[in-house]
Amino acid sequence: MGFLKRLFGGGPASRDTDGQKAIILYVKVRKCSAIARVRVDRYNDLSLDDGGENYVVRKQIVDNVCYGTAELIMRFDAAHREVSRTVENGEIVTCAEWEEQERLRIAPH
């Protein structure tokens, strides 16, 4: 029964509570400064790099305001630990900044 809960939700495998399975980032896209929430799954999103020993993930980010784009590039070692991250056409911001954007979007002044 526990297997079905994990498979269809509600079990520990469906949550990111320990921060081990996924990394949540907030990227402000340069075009109109809209912030997008990005989830990187350490076990499903990573691809081997050209050397075949480490991992890389590239995420194309499109904001939901002016449809501006940015690209997140993260590198990981063989144990899936983050080594570096860069954002082209944007920047990483805090969760608080994203929450403020969402609060204003839902309940504008």
Protein backbone atom coordinates (compact mmCIF):
# COMPACT_ATOMS: atom_id res chain seq x y z
CA MET A 1 0.00 0.00 0.00
CA GLY A 2 2.87 2.38 0.76
CA PHE A 3 4.15 1.87 -2.77
CA LEU A 4 0.86 3.14 -4.24
CA LYS A 5 0.92 6.22 -2.00
CA ARG A 6 4.44 7.07 -3.18
CA LEU A 7 3.50 6.38 -6.80
CA PHE A 8 0.30 8.45 -6.86
CA GLY A 9 1.16 11.10 -4.27
CA GLY A 10 0.76 11.63 -0.61
CA GLY A 11 3.85 9.65 0.38
CA PRO A 12 7.33 10.87 1.25
CA ALA A 13 8.62 10.35 -2.30
CA SER A 14 6.26 13.03 -3.61
CA ARG A 15 7.61 15.78 -1.32
CA ASP A 16 10.79 17.84 -1.36
CA THR A 17 10.80 18.27 2.41
CA ASP A 18 14.40 17.22 2.97
CA GLY A 19 15.77 19.22 0.05
CA GLN A 20 17.67 16.20 -1.25
CA LYS A 21 15.57 15.29 -4.28
CA ALA A 22 14.98 18.74 -5.74
CA ILE A 23 16.35 22.26 -5.70
CA ILE A 24 13.86 25.13 -5.91
CA LEU A 25 15.19 28.38 -7.35
CA TYR A 26 13.59 31.71 -8.21
CA VAL A 27 14.81 33.38 -11.40
CA LYS A 28 14.09 37.00 -12.29
CA VAL A 29 13.97 37.22 -16.08
CA ARG A 30 15.71 40.34 -17.39
CA LYS A 31 13.11 41.32 -20.04
CA CYS A 32 10.39 42.55 -17.65
CA SER A 33 11.74 41.53 -14.21
CA ALA A 34 9.11 38.84 -13.68
CA ILE A 35 10.17 36.04 -11.32
CA ALA A 36 9.67 32.38 -12.21
CA ARG A 37 9.84 29.44 -9.79
CA VAL A 38 12.11 26.69 -11.10
CA ARG A 39 12.41 23.12 -9.81
CA VAL A 40 15.51 21.06 -10.57
CA ASP A 41 15.21 17.36 -9.78
CA ARG A 42 18.64 15.99 -8.90
CA TYR A 43 17.79 12.50 -10.16
CA ASN A 44 15.63 13.09 -13.25
CA ASP A 45 16.75 16.41 -14.77
CA LEU A 46 20.52 15.83 -14.85
CA SER A 47 22.45 14.66 -17.92
CA LEU A 48 26.04 13.50 -18.14
CA ASP A 49 28.38 16.25 -19.28
CA ASP A 50 30.75 15.85 -22.23
CA GLY A 51 33.39 14.23 -20.04
CA GLY A 52 30.92 11.58 -18.91
CA GLU A 53 31.84 11.89 -15.22
CA ASN A 54 29.83 14.86 -13.96
CA TYR A 55 26.32 16.14 -14.60
CA VAL A 56 24.74 19.23 -16.07
CA VAL A 57 21.19 20.56 -16.33
CA ARG A 58 19.95 23.33 -18.63
CA LYS A 59 16.51 24.77 -18.03
CA GLN A 60 14.85 27.23 -20.37
CA ILE A 61 12.75 29.59 -18.27
CA VAL A 62 9.79 31.57 -19.64
CA ASP A 63 8.09 34.04 -17.32
CA ASN A 64 4.31 34.35 -17.29
CA VAL A 65 4.14 38.15 -17.64
CA CYS A 66 5.91 39.18 -20.85
CA TYR A 67 7.16 35.74 -21.91
CA GLY A 68 10.78 36.74 -21.51
CA THR A 69 13.27 33.89 -21.50
CA ALA A 70 16.34 32.99 -19.46
CA GLU A 71 18.50 29.90 -19.25
CA LEU A 72 19.61 28.26 -16.01
CA ILE A 73 22.74 26.11 -16.23
CA MET A 74 23.74 24.03 -13.21
CA ARG A 75 26.65 21.63 -12.86
CA PHE A 76 26.82 18.71 -10.43
CA ASP A 77 29.52 16.27 -9.39
CA ALA A 78 29.23 12.48 -9.68
CA ALA A 79 27.38 12.35 -6.32
CA HIS A 80 24.72 14.82 -7.60
CA ARG A 81 26.03 17.67 -5.41
CA GLU A 82 25.78 21.12 -6.93
CA VAL A 83 29.10 22.56 -8.12
CA SER A 84 28.01 25.74 -9.93
CA ARG A 85 25.05 27.65 -11.33
CA THR A 86 24.68 30.47 -13.84
CA VAL A 87 21.73 32.28 -15.37
CA GLU A 88 21.77 33.88 -18.80
CA ASN A 89 19.34 36.81 -19.31
CA GLY A 90 18.33 36.82 -15.66
CA GLU A 91 19.38 36.43 -12.06
CA ILE A 92 18.57 34.22 -9.08
CA VAL A 93 16.53 35.98 -6.40
CA THR A 94 15.06 34.99 -3.04
CA CYS A 95 11.88 33.12 -2.27
CA ALA A 96 10.61 36.21 -0.43
CA GLU A 97 10.87 38.27 -3.64
CA TRP A 98 8.87 35.66 -5.54
CA GLU A 99 6.23 35.50 -2.77
CA GLU A 100 5.86 39.30 -2.87
CA GLN A 101 5.40 39.18 -6.65
CA GLU A 102 2.73 36.49 -6.28
CA ARG A 103 0.98 38.39 -3.50
CA LEU A 104 0.77 41.51 -5.69
CA ARG A 105 -0.37 39.47 -8.68
CA ILE A 106 -3.20 37.83 -6.74
CA ALA A 107 -4.26 40.91 -4.77
CA PRO A 108 -3.04 44.07 -6.59
CA HIS A 109 -3.19 47.44 -4.85
